[in-house]
């Protein structure tokens, strides 16, 4: 069994096509790539922003449920800024095995955010970033796995796993450092 990582799928989010220059069939592309790589017994850490804008899609929640129930693997969701459902909804309806704000996997600290406070950082997020930065530092982890900034690689020990930077594919544990 393998361990995989992915972020910022934004399933059913029509505006992400323009924001990140995604193909119009990005949902299909992500699902196909995911299921061609991930086996049913594998673990997938989704680093947040599973979806967005579902309320604007006719029958959106049911469409999202259908997508999530077609994906291979045992999915652990690290919540991002667009992940607003209850933990029970994620687990009961959306095929998510666990939901958390961060996770430590060996030498990797997993969270949605790159933990950089800049001019794009919303005021309300600063305390969240500060707490996660503190936890990252205390963890002793060498690398930060994140998403959130779809098209930006920050360098250093940060690895951005947004699908916009990974050719819409999850990344296997042994290949993480190739994405530094």
N, C-alpha and C. Protein backbone atom coordinates (compact mmCIF):
# COMPACT_ATOMS: atom_id res chain seq x y z
N UNK A 1 0.84 -1.19 0.00
CA UNK A 1 0.00 0.00 0.00
C UNK A 1 0.88 1.25 0.00
N UNK A 2 0.43 2.24 -0.73
CA UNK A 2 1.20 3.47 -0.89
C UNK A 2 0.48 4.64 -0.21
N UNK A 3 1.25 5.72 -0.03
CA UNK A 3 0.71 6.96 0.54
C UNK A 3 0.88 8.06 -0.51
N UNK A 4 -0.20 8.79 -0.72
CA UNK A 4 -0.27 9.83 -1.75
C UNK A 4 -0.65 11.17 -1.13
N UNK A 5 -0.35 12.25 -1.88
CA UNK A 5 -0.63 13.61 -1.42
C UNK A 5 -1.16 14.44 -2.60
N UNK A 6 -2.16 15.25 -2.32
CA UNK A 6 -2.77 16.10 -3.35
C UNK A 6 -3.40 17.30 -2.65
N UNK A 7 -3.56 18.39 -3.37
CA UNK A 7 -4.21 19.57 -2.78
C UNK A 7 -4.95 20.37 -3.84
N UNK A 8 -5.92 21.13 -3.37
CA UNK A 8 -6.62 22.13 -4.18
C UNK A 8 -7.31 21.55 -5.41
N UNK A 9 -8.01 20.44 -5.23
CA UNK A 9 -8.76 19.88 -6.35
C UNK A 9 -9.91 20.79 -6.77
N UNK A 10 -10.53 21.47 -5.81
CA UNK A 10 -11.63 22.40 -6.08
C UNK A 10 -12.70 21.75 -6.97
N UNK A 11 -13.07 20.51 -6.68
CA UNK A 11 -14.08 19.84 -7.48
C UNK A 11 -15.33 20.72 -7.62
N UNK A 12 -15.85 20.80 -8.84
CA UNK A 12 -17.08 21.51 -9.21
C UNK A 12 -16.98 23.03 -9.13
N UNK A 13 -15.80 23.58 -8.94
CA UNK A 13 -15.63 25.02 -8.83
C UNK A 13 -15.37 25.62 -10.21
N UNK A 14 -16.41 26.16 -10.81
CA UNK A 14 -16.28 26.65 -12.19
C UNK A 14 -15.32 27.84 -12.31
N UNK A 15 -15.26 28.70 -11.32
CA UNK A 15 -14.39 29.87 -11.41
C UNK A 15 -12.90 29.53 -11.40
N UNK A 16 -12.54 28.37 -10.88
CA UNK A 16 -11.12 27.99 -10.81
C UNK A 16 -10.55 27.80 -12.21
N UNK A 17 -11.40 27.55 -13.19
CA UNK A 17 -10.96 27.40 -14.59
C UNK A 17 -10.27 28.68 -15.03
N UNK A 18 -10.88 29.83 -14.73
CA UNK A 18 -10.28 31.12 -15.10
C UNK A 18 -9.16 31.52 -14.14
N UNK A 19 -9.37 31.31 -12.84
CA UNK A 19 -8.36 31.72 -11.85
C UNK A 19 -7.00 31.07 -12.11
N UNK A 20 -7.03 29.79 -12.48
CA UNK A 20 -5.77 29.03 -12.59
C UNK A 20 -5.54 28.48 -13.99
N UNK A 21 -6.32 28.95 -14.95
CA UNK A 21 -6.16 28.50 -16.33
C UNK A 21 -6.26 26.98 -16.44
N UNK A 22 -7.25 26.41 -15.75
CA UNK A 22 -7.47 24.96 -15.81
C UNK A 22 -8.28 24.59 -17.04
N UNK A 23 -8.12 23.36 -17.51
CA UNK A 23 -8.98 22.90 -18.61
C UNK A 23 -10.42 22.79 -18.11
N UNK A 24 -11.37 22.92 -19.02
CA UNK A 24 -12.78 22.87 -18.62
C UNK A 24 -13.16 21.50 -18.05
N UNK A 25 -12.45 20.46 -18.43
CA UNK A 25 -12.73 19.12 -17.92
C UNK A 25 -11.81 18.73 -16.75
N UNK A 26 -11.37 19.71 -15.96
CA UNK A 26 -10.41 19.43 -14.89
C UNK A 26 -10.92 18.41 -13.88
N UNK A 27 -12.23 18.40 -13.59
CA UNK A 27 -12.76 17.40 -12.65
C UNK A 27 -12.47 15.99 -13.17
N UNK A 28 -12.82 15.76 -14.41
CA UNK A 28 -12.62 14.45 -15.04
C UNK A 28 -11.13 14.09 -15.05
N UNK A 29 -10.29 15.05 -15.39
CA UNK A 29 -8.85 14.81 -15.47
C UNK A 29 -8.28 14.40 -14.11
N UNK A 30 -8.67 15.10 -13.06
CA UNK A 30 -8.19 14.77 -11.71
C UNK A 30 -8.66 13.38 -11.31
N UNK A 31 -9.94 13.08 -11.53
CA UNK A 31 -10.49 11.76 -11.16
C UNK A 31 -9.76 10.64 -11.91
N UNK A 32 -9.57 10.82 -13.22
CA UNK A 32 -8.87 9.79 -14.01
C UNK A 32 -7.44 9.60 -13.52
N UNK A 33 -6.72 10.69 -13.31
CA UNK A 33 -5.34 10.60 -12.83
C UNK A 33 -5.28 9.93 -11.47
N UNK A 34 -6.16 10.36 -10.56
CA UNK A 34 -6.23 9.81 -9.21
C UNK A 34 -6.41 8.30 -9.26
N UNK A 35 -7.45 7.86 -9.96
CA UNK A 35 -7.79 6.44 -9.96
C UNK A 35 -6.82 5.58 -10.78
N UNK A 36 -6.04 6.20 -11.66
CA UNK A 36 -5.04 5.43 -12.40
C UNK A 36 -3.80 5.19 -11.54
N UNK A 37 -3.61 6.01 -10.51
CA UNK A 37 -2.43 5.88 -9.64
C UNK A 37 -2.74 5.26 -8.28
N UNK A 38 -3.81 5.70 -7.68
CA UNK A 38 -4.16 5.30 -6.31
C UNK A 38 -4.96 4.00 -6.34
N UNK A 39 -4.55 3.05 -5.51
CA UNK A 39 -5.26 1.78 -5.39
C UNK A 39 -6.25 1.86 -4.21
N UNK A 40 -7.27 1.01 -4.18
CA UNK A 40 -8.28 1.09 -3.12
C UNK A 40 -7.73 1.07 -1.69
N UNK A 41 -6.66 0.35 -1.41
CA UNK A 41 -6.12 0.27 -0.06
C UNK A 41 -5.10 1.33 0.29
N UNK A 42 -4.76 2.20 -0.66
CA UNK A 42 -3.77 3.26 -0.42
C UNK A 42 -4.37 4.35 0.46
N UNK A 43 -3.49 5.17 1.02
CA UNK A 43 -3.90 6.34 1.79
C UNK A 43 -3.61 7.59 0.98
N UNK A 44 -4.58 8.51 0.95
CA UNK A 44 -4.41 9.78 0.24
C UNK A 44 -4.62 10.91 1.25
N UNK A 45 -3.59 11.73 1.43
CA UNK A 45 -3.73 12.95 2.22
C UNK A 45 -4.10 14.08 1.27
N UNK A 46 -5.31 14.60 1.44
CA UNK A 46 -5.76 15.74 0.64
C UNK A 46 -5.50 16.98 1.49
N UNK A 47 -4.64 17.88 0.99
CA UNK A 47 -4.19 19.02 1.78
C UNK A 47 -5.10 20.24 1.65
N UNK A 48 -6.37 19.99 1.46
CA UNK A 48 -7.35 21.07 1.56
C UNK A 48 -7.87 21.61 0.24
N UNK A 49 -8.99 22.30 0.36
CA UNK A 49 -9.75 22.84 -0.76
C UNK A 49 -10.18 21.72 -1.70
N UNK A 50 -10.86 20.78 -1.10
CA UNK A 50 -11.43 19.65 -1.82
C UNK A 50 -12.39 20.14 -2.89
N UNK A 51 -13.18 21.13 -2.54
CA UNK A 51 -14.19 21.66 -3.44
C UNK A 51 -14.40 23.14 -3.11
N UNK A 52 -15.14 23.80 -3.97
CA UNK A 52 -15.56 25.19 -3.71
C UNK A 52 -16.71 25.49 -4.67
N UNK A 53 -17.61 26.34 -4.26
CA UNK A 53 -18.70 26.76 -5.13
C UNK A 53 -19.75 25.71 -5.40
N UNK A 54 -19.81 24.66 -4.58
CA UNK A 54 -20.77 23.58 -4.81
C UNK A 54 -22.21 24.09 -4.72
N UNK A 55 -22.45 25.07 -3.87
CA UNK A 55 -23.80 25.62 -3.71
C UNK A 55 -24.30 26.33 -4.96
N UNK A 56 -23.39 26.69 -5.85
CA UNK A 56 -23.78 27.37 -7.10
C UNK A 56 -24.05 26.39 -8.24
N UNK A 57 -23.81 25.11 -7.97
CA UNK A 57 -24.01 24.07 -8.98
C UNK A 57 -25.33 23.36 -8.70
N UNK A 58 -26.17 23.21 -9.73
CA UNK A 58 -27.43 22.50 -9.54
C UNK A 58 -27.14 21.09 -9.05
N UNK A 59 -27.76 20.72 -7.92
CA UNK A 59 -27.58 19.41 -7.30
C UNK A 59 -26.10 19.17 -6.96
N UNK A 60 -25.40 20.25 -6.62
CA UNK A 60 -23.96 20.22 -6.40
C UNK A 60 -23.50 19.24 -5.34
N UNK A 61 -24.18 19.21 -4.19
CA UNK A 61 -23.73 18.33 -3.12
C UNK A 61 -23.82 16.87 -3.54
N UNK A 62 -24.90 16.50 -4.24
CA UNK A 62 -25.03 15.12 -4.72
C UNK A 62 -23.99 14.80 -5.79
N UNK A 63 -23.66 15.77 -6.64
CA UNK A 63 -22.60 15.58 -7.63
C UNK A 63 -21.26 15.39 -6.94
N UNK A 64 -21.01 16.16 -5.89
CA UNK A 64 -19.77 16.01 -5.14
C UNK A 64 -19.71 14.64 -4.47
N UNK A 65 -20.83 14.19 -3.89
CA UNK A 65 -20.88 12.86 -3.27
C UNK A 65 -20.53 11.78 -4.30
N UNK A 66 -21.05 11.92 -5.48
CA UNK A 66 -20.78 10.94 -6.55
C UNK A 66 -19.28 10.94 -6.88
N UNK A 67 -18.70 12.11 -7.04
CA UNK A 67 -17.26 12.20 -7.33
C UNK A 67 -16.46 11.53 -6.22
N UNK A 68 -16.75 11.90 -4.98
CA UNK A 68 -15.96 11.40 -3.86
C UNK A 68 -16.07 9.89 -3.69
N UNK A 69 -17.22 9.35 -4.04
CA UNK A 69 -17.40 7.90 -3.90
C UNK A 69 -16.82 7.12 -5.07
N UNK A 70 -16.30 7.81 -6.09
CA UNK A 70 -15.61 7.12 -7.18
C UNK A 70 -14.10 7.09 -6.97
N UNK A 71 -13.60 7.89 -6.03
CA UNK A 71 -12.15 8.00 -5.84
C UNK A 71 -11.59 6.82 -5.05
N UNK A 72 -10.49 6.26 -5.52
CA UNK A 72 -9.81 5.18 -4.82
C UNK A 72 -9.07 5.71 -3.59
N UNK A 73 -8.85 4.82 -2.63
CA UNK A 73 -8.01 5.13 -1.48
C UNK A 73 -8.79 5.55 -0.25
N UNK A 74 -8.08 5.57 0.85
CA UNK A 74 -8.60 6.04 2.14
C UNK A 74 -8.14 7.48 2.29
N UNK A 75 -9.09 8.39 2.20
CA UNK A 75 -8.77 9.82 2.12
C UNK A 75 -8.78 10.45 3.50
N UNK A 76 -7.70 11.18 3.79
CA UNK A 76 -7.59 11.99 5.00
C UNK A 76 -7.59 13.44 4.54
N UNK A 77 -8.54 14.22 5.00
CA UNK A 77 -8.64 15.63 4.60
C UNK A 77 -7.99 16.52 5.64
N UNK A 78 -7.02 17.31 5.19
CA UNK A 78 -6.44 18.39 5.98
C UNK A 78 -7.21 19.64 5.54
N UNK A 79 -8.04 20.18 6.40
CA UNK A 79 -8.97 21.23 5.99
C UNK A 79 -8.26 22.49 5.48
N UNK A 80 -8.84 23.03 4.39
CA UNK A 80 -8.39 24.29 3.81
C UNK A 80 -9.44 25.36 3.98
N UNK A 81 -9.19 26.51 3.41
CA UNK A 81 -10.09 27.65 3.60
C UNK A 81 -11.43 27.49 2.88
N UNK A 82 -11.55 26.55 1.95
CA UNK A 82 -12.83 26.31 1.27
C UNK A 82 -13.55 25.06 1.78
N UNK A 83 -13.02 24.42 2.80
CA UNK A 83 -13.61 23.18 3.31
C UNK A 83 -14.53 23.49 4.49
N UNK A 84 -15.83 23.68 4.18
CA UNK A 84 -16.79 24.20 5.16
C UNK A 84 -17.82 23.20 5.67
N UNK A 85 -17.79 21.98 5.18
CA UNK A 85 -18.75 21.00 5.67
C UNK A 85 -18.34 20.53 7.06
N UNK A 86 -19.28 19.91 7.76
CA UNK A 86 -18.95 19.37 9.08
C UNK A 86 -18.10 18.11 8.90
N UNK A 87 -17.36 17.77 9.93
CA UNK A 87 -16.55 16.55 9.88
C UNK A 87 -17.44 15.34 9.62
N UNK A 88 -18.65 15.34 10.17
CA UNK A 88 -19.58 14.24 9.96
C UNK A 88 -20.00 14.14 8.49
N UNK A 89 -20.25 15.27 7.85
CA UNK A 89 -20.61 15.25 6.43
C UNK A 89 -19.46 14.68 5.59
N UNK A 90 -18.24 15.12 5.90
CA UNK A 90 -17.10 14.59 5.15
C UNK A 90 -17.00 13.08 5.32
N UNK A 91 -17.17 12.62 6.54
CA UNK A 91 -17.01 11.18 6.80
C UNK A 91 -18.21 10.36 6.32
N UNK A 92 -19.41 10.83 6.58
CA UNK A 92 -20.62 10.05 6.26
C UNK A 92 -21.03 10.13 4.80
N UNK A 93 -20.85 11.28 4.17
CA UNK A 93 -21.33 11.48 2.80
C UNK A 93 -20.24 11.48 1.74
N UNK A 94 -19.04 11.92 2.13
CA UNK A 94 -18.03 12.24 1.12
C UNK A 94 -16.82 11.31 1.12
N UNK A 95 -16.94 10.14 1.74
CA UNK A 95 -15.92 9.11 1.64
C UNK A 95 -14.57 9.52 2.26
N UNK A 96 -14.61 10.40 3.24
CA UNK A 96 -13.39 10.85 3.92
C UNK A 96 -13.25 10.03 5.20
N UNK A 97 -12.08 9.47 5.41
CA UNK A 97 -11.85 8.61 6.58
C UNK A 97 -11.51 9.41 7.84
N UNK A 98 -10.84 10.55 7.67
CA UNK A 98 -10.46 11.38 8.81
C UNK A 98 -10.35 12.83 8.34
N UNK A 99 -10.60 13.76 9.26
CA UNK A 99 -10.54 15.20 8.97
C UNK A 99 -9.73 15.86 10.08
N UNK A 100 -8.79 16.71 9.69
CA UNK A 100 -7.95 17.38 10.67
C UNK A 100 -7.44 18.71 10.11
N UNK A 101 -6.81 19.51 10.95
CA UNK A 101 -6.24 20.79 10.50
C UNK A 101 -4.78 20.65 10.08
N UNK A 102 -4.11 19.64 10.60
CA UNK A 102 -2.73 19.37 10.22
C UNK A 102 -2.41 17.92 10.56
N UNK A 103 -1.30 17.44 10.04
CA UNK A 103 -0.89 16.05 10.30
C UNK A 103 0.63 15.99 10.18
N UNK A 104 1.23 15.11 10.95
CA UNK A 104 2.67 14.87 10.85
C UNK A 104 2.87 13.48 10.28
N UNK A 105 3.63 13.42 9.20
CA UNK A 105 3.95 12.15 8.54
C UNK A 105 5.47 12.09 8.39
N UNK A 106 6.10 11.37 9.32
CA UNK A 106 7.56 11.26 9.32
C UNK A 106 8.18 12.66 9.41
N UNK A 107 8.97 13.05 8.41
CA UNK A 107 9.65 14.35 8.47
C UNK A 107 8.84 15.46 7.79
N UNK A 108 7.56 15.18 7.51
CA UNK A 108 6.71 16.13 6.80
C UNK A 108 5.59 16.64 7.71
N UNK A 109 5.41 17.96 7.71
CA UNK A 109 4.30 18.60 8.39
C UNK A 109 3.29 18.96 7.30
N UNK A 110 2.08 18.46 7.41
CA UNK A 110 1.05 18.66 6.40
C UNK A 110 0.01 19.66 6.90
N UNK A 111 -0.22 20.69 6.13
CA UNK A 111 -1.33 21.60 6.37
C UNK A 111 -1.69 22.25 5.03
N UNK A 112 -2.77 22.97 5.01
CA UNK A 112 -3.21 23.57 3.74
C UNK A 112 -2.35 24.76 3.33
N UNK A 113 -1.84 25.48 4.28
CA UNK A 113 -1.24 26.79 4.02
C UNK A 113 0.29 26.75 3.96
N UNK A 114 0.89 27.62 3.13
CA UNK A 114 2.36 27.69 3.07
C UNK A 114 2.97 28.39 4.28
N UNK A 115 2.13 28.92 5.14
CA UNK A 115 2.55 29.57 6.39
C UNK A 115 3.43 30.79 6.14
N UNK A 116 3.09 31.51 5.09
CA UNK A 116 3.76 32.76 4.77
C UNK A 116 2.73 33.87 4.92
N UNK A 117 3.04 34.84 5.73
CA UNK A 117 2.14 35.97 5.90
C UNK A 117 2.64 37.08 4.98
N UNK A 118 1.81 37.42 3.99
CA UNK A 118 2.18 38.45 3.04
C UNK A 118 0.97 39.35 2.76
N UNK A 119 1.06 40.18 1.74
CA UNK A 119 -0.02 41.14 1.45
C UNK A 119 -1.31 40.44 1.03
N UNK A 120 -1.25 39.17 0.65
CA UNK A 120 -2.45 38.43 0.25
C UNK A 120 -3.14 37.75 1.44
N UNK A 121 -2.48 37.73 2.58
CA UNK A 121 -3.01 37.04 3.75
C UNK A 121 -4.16 37.84 4.35
N UNK A 122 -5.30 37.20 4.49
CA UNK A 122 -6.44 37.86 5.11
C UNK A 122 -6.20 37.98 6.61
N UNK A 123 -6.59 39.09 7.16
CA UNK A 123 -6.37 39.40 8.59
C UNK A 123 -6.84 38.27 9.51
N UNK A 124 -8.01 37.71 9.21
CA UNK A 124 -8.56 36.67 10.09
C UNK A 124 -7.72 35.39 10.06
N UNK A 125 -6.87 35.22 9.05
CA UNK A 125 -6.06 34.01 8.94
C UNK A 125 -4.74 34.10 9.68
N UNK A 126 -4.32 35.29 10.05
CA UNK A 126 -3.01 35.46 10.70
C UNK A 126 -2.89 34.62 11.96
N UNK A 127 -3.87 34.61 12.89
CA UNK A 127 -3.74 33.75 14.07
C UNK A 127 -3.65 32.25 13.73
N UNK A 128 -4.37 31.83 12.70
CA UNK A 128 -4.32 30.44 12.26
C UNK A 128 -2.92 30.11 11.77
N UNK A 129 -2.37 30.98 10.92
CA UNK A 129 -1.02 30.77 10.39
C UNK A 129 0.00 30.73 11.54
N UNK A 130 -0.14 31.66 12.47
CA UNK A 130 0.81 31.72 13.59
C UNK A 130 0.78 30.43 14.42
N UNK A 131 -0.42 29.91 14.66
CA UNK A 131 -0.55 28.67 15.43
C UNK A 131 0.04 27.49 14.66
N UNK A 132 -0.24 27.40 13.38
CA UNK A 132 0.30 26.32 12.57
C UNK A 132 1.83 26.42 12.45
N UNK A 133 2.35 27.65 12.33
CA UNK A 133 3.81 27.83 12.28
C UNK A 133 4.45 27.36 13.58
N UNK A 134 3.80 27.66 14.69
CA UNK A 134 4.30 27.23 16.00
C UNK A 134 4.32 25.70 16.07
N UNK A 135 3.22 25.07 15.65
CA UNK A 135 3.14 23.61 15.66
C UNK A 135 4.18 22.99 14.74
N UNK A 136 4.38 23.60 13.57
CA UNK A 136 5.39 23.11 12.63
C UNK A 136 6.78 23.16 13.27
N UNK A 137 7.09 24.28 13.86
CA UNK A 137 8.41 24.43 14.50
C UNK A 137 8.59 23.43 15.63
N UNK A 138 7.57 23.28 16.46
CA UNK A 138 7.64 22.35 17.59
C UNK A 138 7.71 20.89 17.14
N UNK A 139 7.18 20.59 15.96
CA UNK A 139 7.15 19.22 15.48
C UNK A 139 8.53 18.66 15.14
N UNK A 140 9.44 19.55 14.81
CA UNK A 140 10.77 19.10 14.39
C UNK A 140 10.79 18.58 12.96
N UNK A 141 9.69 18.70 12.25
CA UNK A 141 9.64 18.23 10.87
C UNK A 141 10.57 19.06 9.98
N UNK A 142 11.10 18.41 8.99
CA UNK A 142 12.05 19.05 8.08
C UNK A 142 11.35 19.80 6.94
N UNK A 143 10.20 19.28 6.51
CA UNK A 143 9.52 19.82 5.33
C UNK A 143 8.07 20.17 5.64
N UNK A 144 7.57 21.17 4.92
CA UNK A 144 6.16 21.57 4.99
C UNK A 144 5.50 21.19 3.68
N UNK A 145 4.49 20.33 3.74
CA UNK A 145 3.66 20.00 2.58
C UNK A 145 2.40 20.85 2.66
N UNK A 146 2.07 21.53 1.58
CA UNK A 146 0.93 22.46 1.60
C UNK A 146 0.31 22.58 0.22
N UNK A 147 -0.72 23.39 0.16
CA UNK A 147 -1.37 23.79 -1.07
C UNK A 147 -1.66 25.27 -0.97
N UNK A 148 -2.90 25.65 -1.21
CA UNK A 148 -3.44 27.01 -1.04
C UNK A 148 -2.98 27.97 -2.13
N UNK A 149 -1.72 28.11 -2.34
CA UNK A 149 -1.18 29.03 -3.35
C UNK A 149 -0.99 28.22 -4.64
N UNK A 150 -2.02 28.18 -5.44
CA UNK A 150 -2.12 27.23 -6.54
C UNK A 150 -0.95 27.22 -7.50
N UNK A 151 -0.44 28.37 -7.82
CA UNK A 151 0.57 28.45 -8.88
C UNK A 151 1.93 28.91 -8.39
N UNK A 152 2.14 28.92 -7.08
CA UNK A 152 3.38 29.47 -6.52
C UNK A 152 4.18 28.42 -5.78
N UNK A 153 5.44 28.28 -6.16
CA UNK A 153 6.39 27.47 -5.40
C UNK A 153 7.21 28.44 -4.56
N UNK A 154 7.26 28.20 -3.26
CA UNK A 154 7.94 29.13 -2.37
C UNK A 154 9.40 28.75 -2.12
N UNK A 155 9.78 27.54 -2.47
CA UNK A 155 11.16 27.12 -2.28
C UNK A 155 11.46 26.77 -0.84
N UNK A 156 12.73 26.65 -0.55
CA UNK A 156 13.13 26.26 0.80
C UNK A 156 12.66 24.85 1.08
N UNK A 157 12.06 24.67 2.22
CA UNK A 157 11.59 23.35 2.64
C UNK A 157 10.08 23.21 2.46
N UNK A 158 9.48 24.08 1.65
CA UNK A 158 8.05 24.03 1.38
C UNK A 158 7.81 23.28 0.06
N UNK A 159 6.85 22.36 0.09
CA UNK A 159 6.49 21.61 -1.11
C UNK A 159 5.00 21.85 -1.37
N UNK A 160 4.71 22.59 -2.43
CA UNK A 160 3.34 22.93 -2.80
C UNK A 160 2.79 21.80 -3.67
N UNK A 161 1.74 21.14 -3.20
CA UNK A 161 1.15 20.00 -3.90
C UNK A 161 -0.20 20.31 -4.53
N UNK A 162 -0.42 21.59 -4.85
CA UNK A 162 -1.63 21.97 -5.57
C UNK A 162 -1.65 21.23 -6.91
N UNK A 163 -2.82 20.74 -7.30
CA UNK A 163 -2.93 20.02 -8.58
C UNK A 163 -2.47 20.88 -9.75
N UNK A 164 -2.51 22.19 -9.59
CA UNK A 164 -2.09 23.09 -10.65
C UNK A 164 -0.58 23.02 -10.89
N UNK A 165 0.15 22.46 -9.93
CA UNK A 165 1.60 22.31 -10.07
C UNK A 165 2.03 20.85 -10.23
N UNK A 166 1.08 19.92 -10.15
CA UNK A 166 1.43 18.49 -10.21
C UNK A 166 0.76 17.79 -11.40
N UNK A 167 0.40 18.55 -12.41
CA UNK A 167 -0.25 17.99 -13.60
C UNK A 167 -1.54 17.27 -13.24
N UNK A 168 -2.24 17.79 -12.23
CA UNK A 168 -3.54 17.26 -11.81
C UNK A 168 -3.46 15.82 -11.31
N UNK A 169 -2.33 15.47 -10.69
CA UNK A 169 -2.10 14.11 -10.19
C UNK A 169 -1.70 14.14 -8.72
N UNK A 170 -2.09 13.11 -7.97
CA UNK A 170 -1.54 12.96 -6.62
C UNK A 170 -0.07 12.55 -6.72
N UNK A 171 0.69 12.90 -5.70
CA UNK A 171 2.13 12.60 -5.67
C UNK A 171 2.37 11.52 -4.61
N UNK A 172 3.13 10.51 -5.00
CA UNK A 172 3.43 9.39 -4.10
C UNK A 172 4.53 9.79 -3.12
N UNK A 173 4.46 9.25 -1.93
CA UNK A 173 5.37 9.59 -0.83
C UNK A 173 6.83 9.61 -1.27
N UNK A 174 7.27 8.59 -1.97
CA UNK A 174 8.68 8.50 -2.36
C UNK A 174 9.10 9.54 -3.39
N UNK A 175 8.15 10.24 -3.98
CA UNK A 175 8.45 11.27 -4.99
C UNK A 175 8.30 12.70 -4.47
N UNK A 176 8.02 12.86 -3.20
CA UNK A 176 7.77 14.20 -2.66
C UNK A 176 8.94 15.15 -2.87
N UNK A 177 10.14 14.72 -2.59
CA UNK A 177 11.29 15.63 -2.66
C UNK A 177 11.61 16.08 -4.09
N UNK A 178 11.06 15.39 -5.08
CA UNK A 178 11.22 15.83 -6.47
C UNK A 178 10.46 17.14 -6.73
N UNK A 179 9.57 17.49 -5.81
CA UNK A 179 8.72 18.66 -5.98
C UNK A 179 9.16 19.86 -5.14
N UNK A 180 10.35 19.78 -4.57
CA UNK A 180 10.89 20.91 -3.80
C UNK A 180 11.08 22.12 -4.72
